[in-house]
Amino acid sequence: MNLLKHFPNTLTSLNLLLGTIGMFLALQGQPDLTAWCVLLAAVFDFSDGFAARMLNAYSDIGKELDSLADLVSFGLAPAAAYMSLLHYGMTQDWNINFWQLTSSDRILLLIPFLLTVFSALRLAKFNIDTRQTETFLGLTTTATGMFSVSLVHFIFTNGGLWPKLASPYVVLGLIAVFCLLLVSEIPMFSLKFKSFCVKGNELRYLLLLIGLLSVLFIGIGGIAVTVLLYVLFSIGKLLFSKRKEGV
């Protein structure tokens, strides 16, 4: 029975391991494999909390380990994927040859790791913020990480005009936007269902439906579409509420 108490932390450790491997693969020019690692890490991230509730195996070390794992899997690995994307935009090569670049290009290539810093700030804020129970304030690290790696995966595996998104202006712009979203005070509605009734869950069902269709039609890149819509739905819901209050 005591061994079962360690099961949630084992799942969290697998989350951390996958994030570390994902980061390594991105630096080796395989950000498509990074996406699979991060998405699987997200499965373990969900499972460890579920297992902890089922086994009543909550612990202080589990809470700290969970934040650390999320920082690596959804903050560090996605930043490395952006680094690979940025390198491709500058050199047309996914495999990072850091020391062969000019000093200014090397500095530019390190900017994506600001996403890791802001992910850490987001996680630290969440751990001490008692307001984030029914809704989130700012975009979660998990959503940010999944958007990032799924977008890079889509660009990596598709030709045509899509690699144009590897432009430094686009990549650095995305990083700036998502860094701000991570630490913003924008209320993001929770995807947890208290009941399965349609009333009160309209946005959740709509997002899940669009997300499923997006993944079916465009693959992993559909996750990026879903996260983007989640942000837009949350902002729309906030504006609607404010307008309703004003009326």
C-alpha atoms as a PDB file:
ATOM      1  CA  MET A   1       0.000   0.000   0.000  1.00  0.00           C
ATOM      2  CA  ASN A   2       2.910   2.359   0.778  1.00  0.00           C
ATOM      3  CA  LEU A   3       4.237   1.828  -2.732  1.00  0.00           C
ATOM      4  CA  LEU A   4       0.944   3.083  -4.177  1.00  0.00           C
ATOM      5  CA  LYS A   5       1.463   6.363  -2.326  1.00  0.00           C
ATOM      6  CA  HIS A   6       4.480   6.991  -4.562  1.00  0.00           C
ATOM      7  CA  PHE A   7       2.574   6.292  -7.783  1.00  0.00           C
ATOM      8  CA  PRO A   8       1.468   9.930  -8.410  1.00  0.00           C
ATOM      9  CA  ASN A   9       5.044  11.172  -7.960  1.00  0.00           C
ATOM     10  CA  THR A  10       6.217   8.481 -10.374  1.00  0.00           C
ATOM     11  CA  LEU A  11       3.828   9.842 -12.994  1.00  0.00           C
ATOM     12  CA  THR A  12       5.065  13.376 -12.307  1.00  0.00           C
ATOM     13  CA  SER A  13       8.650  12.170 -12.691  1.00  0.00           C
ATOM     14  CA  LEU A  14       7.771  10.680 -16.076  1.00  0.00           C
ATOM     15  CA  ASN A  15       6.356  14.076 -17.038  1.00  0.00           C
ATOM     16  CA  LEU A  16       9.692  15.637 -16.079  1.00  0.00           C
ATOM     17  CA  LEU A  17      11.691  12.983 -17.929  1.00  0.00           C
ATOM     18  CA  LEU A  18       9.707  13.488 -21.128  1.00  0.00           C
ATOM     19  CA  GLY A  19      10.184  17.243 -20.932  1.00  0.00           C
ATOM     20  CA  THR A  20      13.935  16.787 -20.579  1.00  0.00           C
ATOM     21  CA  ILE A  21      14.069  14.404 -23.540  1.00  0.00           C
ATOM     22  CA  GLY A  22      11.896  16.783 -25.549  1.00  0.00           C
ATOM     23  CA  MET A  23      14.308  19.637 -24.908  1.00  0.00           C
ATOM     24  CA  PHE A  24      17.252  17.489 -26.015  1.00  0.00           C
ATOM     25  CA  LEU A  25      15.463  16.467 -29.225  1.00  0.00           C
ATOM     26  CA  ALA A  26      14.672  20.095 -30.076  1.00  0.00           C
ATOM     27  CA  LEU A  27      18.329  21.035 -29.716  1.00  0.00           C
ATOM     28  CA  GLN A  28      19.157  18.133 -32.044  1.00  0.00           C
ATOM     29  CA  GLY A  29      16.908  19.543 -34.756  1.00  0.00           C
ATOM     30  CA  GLN A  30      13.919  17.259 -34.115  1.00  0.00           C
ATOM     31  CA  PRO A  31      11.235  19.581 -32.720  1.00  0.00           C
ATOM     32  CA  ASP A  32       8.567  17.315 -34.224  1.00  0.00           C
ATOM     33  CA  LEU A  33       9.593  14.641 -31.706  1.00  0.00           C
ATOM     34  CA  THR A  34       9.666  17.297 -28.990  1.00  0.00           C
ATOM     35  CA  ALA A  35       5.960  17.838 -29.634  1.00  0.00           C
ATOM     36  CA  TRP A  36       5.192  14.168 -29.007  1.00  0.00           C
ATOM     37  CA  CYS A  37       7.221  14.244 -25.772  1.00  0.00           C
ATOM     38  CA  VAL A  38       5.426  17.343 -24.487  1.00  0.00           C
ATOM     39  CA  LEU A  39       1.977  16.044 -25.410  1.00  0.00           C
ATOM     40  CA  LEU A  40       2.680  12.759 -23.649  1.00  0.00           C
ATOM     41  CA  ALA A  41       4.019  14.728 -20.682  1.00  0.00           C
ATOM     42  CA  ALA A  42       0.654  16.522 -20.588  1.00  0.00           C
ATOM     43  CA  VAL A  43      -1.057  13.137 -20.248  1.00  0.00           C
ATOM     44  CA  PHE A  44       1.124  12.316 -17.238  1.00  0.00           C
ATOM     45  CA  ASP A  45       0.534  15.828 -15.867  1.00  0.00           C
ATOM     46  CA  PHE A  46      -3.211  15.146 -15.862  1.00  0.00           C
ATOM     47  CA  SER A  47      -2.810  11.593 -14.598  1.00  0.00           C
ATOM     48  CA  ASP A  48      -0.697  12.414 -11.544  1.00  0.00           C
ATOM     49  CA  GLY A  49      -3.386  14.677 -10.067  1.00  0.00           C
ATOM     50  CA  PHE A  50      -6.073  12.117 -10.841  1.00  0.00           C
ATOM     51  CA  ALA A  51      -3.992   9.355  -9.221  1.00  0.00           C
ATOM     52  CA  ALA A  52      -3.317  11.507  -6.164  1.00  0.00           C
ATOM     53  CA  ARG A  53      -7.055  12.061  -5.667  1.00  0.00           C
ATOM     54  CA  MET A  54      -7.898   8.386  -6.202  1.00  0.00           C
ATOM     55  CA  LEU A  55      -5.205   7.157  -3.799  1.00  0.00           C
ATOM     56  CA  ASN A  56      -5.440  10.093  -1.396  1.00  0.00           C
ATOM     57  CA  ALA A  57      -1.697  10.432  -1.877  1.00  0.00           C
ATOM     58  CA  TYR A  58      -1.180  14.173  -1.643  1.00  0.00           C
ATOM     59  CA  SER A  59       2.212  15.350  -0.434  1.00  0.00           C
ATOM     60  CA  ASP A  60       4.260  18.549  -0.228  1.00  0.00           C
ATOM     61  CA  ILE A  61       7.017  17.002  -2.299  1.00  0.00           C
ATOM     62  CA  GLY A  62       4.470  16.036  -4.941  1.00  0.00           C
ATOM     63  CA  LYS A  63       3.305  19.653  -5.225  1.00  0.00           C
ATOM     64  CA  GLU A  64       6.853  20.941  -5.621  1.00  0.00           C
ATOM     65  CA  LEU A  65       7.787  18.175  -8.058  1.00  0.00           C
ATOM     66  CA  ASP A  66       4.710  18.923 -10.156  1.00  0.00           C
ATOM     67  CA  SER A  67       5.706  22.571 -10.592  1.00  0.00           C
ATOM     68  CA  LEU A  68       9.265  21.600 -11.487  1.00  0.00           C
ATOM     69  CA  ALA A  69       8.077  19.042 -14.041  1.00  0.00           C
ATOM     70  CA  ASP A  70       5.676  21.560 -15.595  1.00  0.00           C
ATOM     71  CA  LEU A  71       8.439  24.141 -15.871  1.00  0.00           C
ATOM     72  CA  VAL A  72      10.653  21.722 -17.797  1.00  0.00           C
ATOM     73  CA  SER A  73       7.963  20.090 -19.959  1.00  0.00           C
ATOM     74  CA  PHE A  74       5.870  23.174 -20.751  1.00  0.00           C
ATOM     75  CA  GLY A  75       8.400  25.968 -20.298  1.00  0.00           C
ATOM     76  CA  LEU A  76      11.870  24.711 -21.169  1.00  0.00           C
ATOM     77  CA  ALA A  77      11.151  22.116 -23.877  1.00  0.00           C
ATOM     78  CA  PRO A  78       8.828  24.467 -25.852  1.00  0.00           C
ATOM     79  CA  ALA A  79      11.443  27.230 -25.593  1.00  0.00           C
ATOM     80  CA  ALA A  80      13.982  24.847 -27.115  1.00  0.00           C
ATOM     81  CA  ALA A  81      11.485  24.057 -29.898  1.00  0.00           C
ATOM     82  CA  TYR A  82      11.139  27.772 -30.621  1.00  0.00           C
ATOM     83  CA  MET A  83      14.928  27.998 -30.629  1.00  0.00           C
ATOM     84  CA  SER A  84      15.062  25.311 -33.311  1.00  0.00           C
ATOM     85  CA  LEU A  85      12.351  27.119 -35.289  1.00  0.00           C
ATOM     86  CA  LEU A  86      14.204  30.412 -34.997  1.00  0.00           C
ATOM     87  CA  HIS A  87      17.442  28.760 -36.124  1.00  0.00           C
ATOM     88  CA  TYR A  88      15.636  27.371 -39.162  1.00  0.00           C
ATOM     89  CA  GLY A  89      14.308  30.829 -39.975  1.00  0.00           C
ATOM     90  CA  MET A  90      17.833  32.236 -39.938  1.00  0.00           C
ATOM     91  CA  THR A  91      19.770  29.390 -41.578  1.00  0.00           C
ATOM     92  CA  GLN A  92      17.203  27.059 -43.246  1.00  0.00           C
ATOM     93  CA  ASP A  93      18.611  24.297 -41.026  1.00  0.00           C
ATOM     94  CA  TRP A  94      16.721  22.733 -38.106  1.00  0.00           C
ATOM     95  CA  ASN A  95      19.861  21.292 -36.533  1.00  0.00           C
ATOM     96  CA  ILE A  96      21.263  23.990 -34.252  1.00  0.00           C
ATOM     97  CA  ASN A  97      24.890  24.972 -34.903  1.00  0.00           C
ATOM     98  CA  PHE A  98      25.067  27.555 -32.142  1.00  0.00           C
ATOM     99  CA  TRP A  99      28.773  28.383 -32.220  1.00  0.00           C
ATOM    100  CA  GLN A 100      28.839  28.780 -35.985  1.00  0.00           C
ATOM    101  CA  LEU A 101      26.495  31.764 -35.787  1.00  0.00           C
ATOM    102  CA  THR A 102      27.474  35.393 -35.365  1.00  0.00           C
ATOM    103  CA  SER A 103      27.394  36.883 -31.864  1.00  0.00           C
ATOM    104  CA  SER A 104      24.199  38.816 -32.593  1.00  0.00           C
ATOM    105  CA  ASP A 105      22.477  35.702 -33.981  1.00  0.00           C
ATOM    106  CA  ARG A 106      23.513  33.698 -30.910  1.00  0.00           C
ATOM    107  CA  ILE A 107      21.936  36.289 -28.647  1.00  0.00           C
ATOM    108  CA  LEU A 108      18.791  36.243 -30.797  1.00  0.00           C
ATOM    109  CA  LEU A 109      18.657  32.473 -30.573  1.00  0.00           C
ATOM    110  CA  LEU A 110      18.611  32.584 -26.762  1.00  0.00           C
ATOM    111  CA  ILE A 111      15.593  34.911 -26.532  1.00  0.00           C
ATOM    112  CA  PRO A 112      13.051  32.027 -26.679  1.00  0.00           C
ATOM    113  CA  PHE A 113      14.206  30.951 -23.213  1.00  0.00           C
ATOM    114  CA  LEU A 114      12.425  34.002 -21.826  1.00  0.00           C
ATOM    115  CA  LEU A 115       9.379  31.754 -22.170  1.00  0.00           C
ATOM    116  CA  THR A 116      10.930  29.508 -19.505  1.00  0.00           C
ATOM    117  CA  VAL A 117      11.395  32.461 -17.146  1.00  0.00           C
ATOM    118  CA  PHE A 118       7.805  33.631 -17.565  1.00  0.00           C
ATOM    119  CA  SER A 119       6.574  30.049 -17.155  1.00  0.00           C
ATOM    120  CA  ALA A 120       8.399  29.924 -13.817  1.00  0.00           C
ATOM    121  CA  LEU A 121       6.794  33.214 -12.784  1.00  0.00           C
ATOM    122  CA  ARG A 122       3.391  31.866 -13.794  1.00  0.00           C
ATOM    123  CA  LEU A 123       3.839  28.671 -11.766  1.00  0.00           C
ATOM    124  CA  ALA A 124       5.116  30.545  -8.713  1.00  0.00           C
ATOM    125  CA  LYS A 125       2.184  32.955  -8.934  1.00  0.00           C
ATOM    126  CA  PHE A 126      -0.321  30.119  -9.286  1.00  0.00           C
ATOM    127  CA  ASN A 127       1.063  28.279  -6.238  1.00  0.00           C
ATOM    128  CA  ILE A 128       0.370  31.220  -3.918  1.00  0.00           C
ATOM    129  CA  ASP A 129      -2.700  32.736  -5.606  1.00  0.00           C
ATOM    130  CA  THR A 130      -5.900  31.657  -3.833  1.00  0.00           C
ATOM    131  CA  ARG A 131      -8.090  33.302  -6.487  1.00  0.00           C
ATOM    132  CA  GLN A 132      -7.390  30.659  -9.135  1.00  0.00           C
ATOM    133  CA  THR A 133      -9.825  27.941  -8.167  1.00  0.00           C
ATOM    134  CA  GLU A 134     -12.806  28.255 -10.529  1.00  0.00           C
ATOM    135  CA  THR A 135     -10.935  30.135 -13.258  1.00  0.00           C
ATOM    136  CA  PHE A 136      -7.312  30.759 -14.170  1.00  0.00           C
ATOM    137  CA  LEU A 137      -5.710  34.183 -14.274  1.00  0.00           C
ATOM    138  CA  GLY A 138      -3.476  34.219 -17.307  1.00  0.00           C
ATOM    139  CA  LEU A 139      -2.760  31.357 -19.667  1.00  0.00           C
ATOM    140  CA  THR A 140      -1.498  28.164 -18.028  1.00  0.00           C
ATOM    141  CA  THR A 141       1.999  26.845 -18.704  1.00  0.00           C
ATOM    142  CA  THR A 142       0.486  23.604 -20.006  1.00  0.00           C
ATOM    143  CA  ALA A 143      -1.626  25.396 -22.627  1.00  0.00           C
ATOM    144  CA  THR A 144       1.293  27.628 -23.601  1.00  0.00           C
ATOM    145  CA  GLY A 145       3.643  24.681 -23.993  1.00  0.00           C
ATOM    146  CA  MET A 146       1.164  22.633 -26.004  1.00  0.00           C
ATOM    147  CA  PHE A 147       0.451  25.554 -28.341  1.00  0.00           C
ATOM    148  CA  SER A 148       4.162  26.127 -28.882  1.00  0.00           C
ATOM    149  CA  VAL A 149       5.239  22.575 -29.689  1.00  0.00           C
ATOM    150  CA  SER A 150       2.173  21.798 -31.810  1.00  0.00           C
ATOM    151  CA  LEU A 151       2.746  24.932 -33.895  1.00  0.00           C
ATOM    152  CA  VAL A 152       6.431  24.090 -34.402  1.00  0.00           C
ATOM    153  CA  HIS A 153       5.486  20.488 -35.251  1.00  0.00           C
ATOM    154  CA  PHE A 154       3.026  21.738 -37.893  1.00  0.00           C
ATOM    155  CA  ILE A 155       5.615  24.049 -39.471  1.00  0.00           C
ATOM    156  CA  PHE A 156       8.272  21.311 -39.367  1.00  0.00           C
ATOM    157  CA  THR A 157       6.091  18.723 -41.094  1.00  0.00           C
ATOM    158  CA  ASN A 158       4.413  20.983 -43.684  1.00  0.00           C
ATOM    159  CA  GLY A 159       5.925  22.725 -46.649  1.00  0.00           C
ATOM    160  CA  GLY A 160       4.492  25.492 -48.768  1.00  0.00           C
ATOM    161  CA  LEU A 161       4.292  28.899 -47.148  1.00  0.00           C
ATOM    162  CA  TRP A 162       4.145  27.593 -43.571  1.00  0.00           C
ATOM    163  CA  PRO A 163       7.948  27.683 -42.979  1.00  0.00           C
ATOM    164  CA  LYS A 164       7.639  31.454 -43.513  1.00  0.00           C
ATOM    165  CA  LEU A 165       6.335  31.477 -39.937  1.00  0.00           C
ATOM    166  CA  ALA A 166       9.904  30.686 -38.878  1.00  0.00           C
ATOM    167  CA  SER A 167      10.708  34.342 -39.506  1.00  0.00           C
ATOM    168  CA  PRO A 168      12.426  35.855 -36.436  1.00  0.00           C
ATOM    169  CA  TYR A 169       9.773  38.592 -36.377  1.00  0.00           C
ATOM    170  CA  VAL A 170       6.979  36.017 -36.121  1.00  0.00           C
ATOM    171  CA  VAL A 171       8.733  33.747 -33.616  1.00  0.00           C
ATOM    172  CA  LEU A 172       9.839  36.546 -31.300  1.00  0.00           C
ATOM    173  CA  GLY A 173       6.396  38.144 -31.586  1.00  0.00           C
ATOM    174  CA  LEU A 174       4.735  34.889 -30.511  1.00  0.00           C
ATOM    175  CA  ILE A 175       7.129  34.537 -27.586  1.00  0.00           C
ATOM    176  CA  ALA A 176       6.410  38.101 -26.445  1.00  0.00           C
ATOM    177  CA  VAL A 177       2.626  37.572 -26.640  1.00  0.00           C
ATOM    178  CA  PHE A 178       2.671  34.284 -24.743  1.00  0.00           C
ATOM    179  CA  CYS A 179       5.072  35.584 -22.095  1.00  0.00           C
ATOM    180  CA  LEU A 180       2.577  38.367 -21.404  1.00  0.00           C
ATOM    181  CA  LEU A 181      -0.366  35.951 -21.410  1.00  0.00           C
ATOM    182  CA  LEU A 182       1.373  33.746 -18.835  1.00  0.00           C
ATOM    183  CA  VAL A 183       1.577  36.523 -16.241  1.00  0.00           C
ATOM    184  CA  SER A 184      -1.542  38.473 -17.247  1.00  0.00           C
ATOM    185  CA  GLU A 185      -4.654  38.917 -15.125  1.00  0.00           C
ATOM    186  CA  ILE A 186      -6.969  37.865 -17.961  1.00  0.00           C
ATOM    187  CA  PRO A 187      -9.501  35.324 -16.594  1.00  0.00           C
ATOM    188  CA  MET A 188      -9.300  32.041 -18.531  1.00  0.00           C
ATOM    189  CA  PHE A 189     -12.286  29.759 -18.004  1.00  0.00           C
ATOM    190  CA  SER A 190     -11.584  26.305 -16.607  1.00  0.00           C
ATOM    191  CA  LEU A 191     -12.093  23.309 -18.871  1.00  0.00           C
ATOM    192  CA  LYS A 192     -13.217  21.153 -15.947  1.00  0.00           C
ATOM    193  CA  PHE A 193     -16.827  19.980 -16.132  1.00  0.00           C
ATOM    194  CA  LYS A 194     -18.849  20.145 -12.918  1.00  0.00           C
ATOM    195  CA  SER A 195     -21.674  18.469 -14.807  1.00  0.00           C
ATOM    196  CA  PHE A 196     -22.196  17.271 -18.357  1.00  0.00           C
ATOM    197  CA  CYS A 197     -25.254  19.437 -18.986  1.00  0.00           C
ATOM    198  CA  VAL A 198     -24.998  21.660 -22.040  1.00  0.00           C
ATOM    199  CA  LYS A 199     -26.250  24.695 -20.122  1.00  0.00           C
ATOM    200  CA  GLY A 200     -23.301  26.394 -18.496  1.00  0.00           C
ATOM    201  CA  ASN A 201     -20.818  24.333 -20.523  1.00  0.00           C
ATOM    202  CA  GLU A 202     -21.525  25.784 -23.978  1.00  0.00           C
ATOM    203  CA  LEU A 203     -18.037  27.215 -24.451  1.00  0.00           C
ATOM    204  CA  ARG A 204     -16.371  24.035 -23.200  1.00  0.00           C
ATOM    205  CA  TYR A 205     -18.320  21.807 -25.586  1.00  0.00           C
ATOM    206  CA  LEU A 206     -17.765  24.180 -28.497  1.00  0.00           C
ATOM    207  CA  LEU A 207     -14.033  24.327 -27.829  1.00  0.00           C
ATOM    208  CA  LEU A 208     -13.776  20.543 -27.517  1.00  0.00           C
ATOM    209  CA  LEU A 209     -15.693  20.070 -30.767  1.00  0.00           C
ATOM    210  CA  ILE A 210     -13.545  22.544 -32.697  1.00  0.00           C
ATOM    211  CA  GLY A 211     -10.416  21.079 -31.141  1.00  0.00           C
ATOM    212  CA  LEU A 212     -11.366  17.550 -32.153  1.00  0.00           C
ATOM    213  CA  LEU A 213     -12.173  18.604 -35.717  1.00  0.00           C
ATOM    214  CA  SER A 214      -8.936  20.616 -35.944  1.00  0.00           C
ATOM    215  CA  VAL A 215      -6.826  17.655 -34.859  1.00  0.00           C
ATOM    216  CA  LEU A 216      -8.662  15.310 -37.234  1.00  0.00           C
ATOM    217  CA  PHE A 217      -8.138  17.611 -40.220  1.00  0.00           C
ATOM    218  CA  ILE A 218      -4.665  19.080 -39.616  1.00  0.00           C
ATOM    219  CA  GLY A 219      -3.097  16.748 -37.058  1.00  0.00           C
ATOM    220  CA  ILE A 220      -1.107  17.932 -34.055  1.00  0.00           C
ATOM    221  CA  GLY A 221      -1.211  21.477 -35.369  1.00  0.00           C
ATOM    222  CA  GLY A 222      -4.899  21.474 -34.468  1.00  0.00           C
ATOM    223  CA  ILE A 223      -3.887  21.752 -30.816  1.00  0.00           C
ATOM    224  CA  ALA A 224      -2.376  25.167 -31.531  1.00  0.00           C
ATOM    225  CA  VAL A 225      -5.671  26.211 -33.140  1.00  0.00           C
ATOM    226  CA  THR A 226      -7.583  24.979 -30.079  1.00  0.00           C
ATOM    227  CA  VAL A 227      -5.379  26.866 -27.596  1.00  0.00           C
ATOM    228  CA  LEU A 228      -5.639  30.043 -29.676  1.00  0.00           C
ATOM    229  CA  LEU A 229      -9.436  29.748 -29.718  1.00  0.00           C
ATOM    230  CA  TYR A 230      -9.404  29.092 -25.963  1.00  0.00           C
ATOM    231  CA  VAL A 231      -7.616  32.412 -25.448  1.00  0.00           C
ATOM    232  CA  LEU A 232     -10.001  34.248 -27.790  1.00  0.00           C
ATOM    233  CA  PHE A 233     -13.076  32.666 -26.154  1.00  0.00           C
ATOM    234  CA  SER A 234     -11.794  33.670 -22.702  1.00  0.00           C
ATOM    235  CA  ILE A 235     -11.166  37.263 -23.797  1.00  0.00           C
ATOM    236  CA  GLY A 236     -14.570  37.370 -25.516  1.00  0.00           C
ATOM    237  CA  LYS A 237     -16.263  36.058 -22.383  1.00  0.00           C
ATOM    238  CA  LEU A 238     -14.517  38.733 -20.297  1.00  0.00           C
ATOM    239  CA  LEU A 239     -15.550  41.538 -22.664  1.00  0.00           C
ATOM    240  CA  PHE A 240     -19.130  40.253 -22.776  1.00  0.00           C
ATOM    241  CA  SER A 241     -19.287  40.164 -18.963  1.00  0.00           C
ATOM    242  CA  LYS A 242     -17.965  43.697 -18.677  1.00  0.00           C
ATOM    243  CA  ARG A 243     -20.422  44.924 -21.293  1.00  0.00           C
ATOM    244  CA  LYS A 244     -23.274  43.172 -19.494  1.00  0.00           C
ATOM    245  CA  GLU A 245     -22.250  44.750 -16.182  1.00  0.00           C
ATOM    246  CA  GLY A 246     -22.101  48.148 -17.884  1.00  0.00           C
ATOM    247  CA  VAL A 247     -25.640  47.707 -19.143  1.00  0.00           C
END
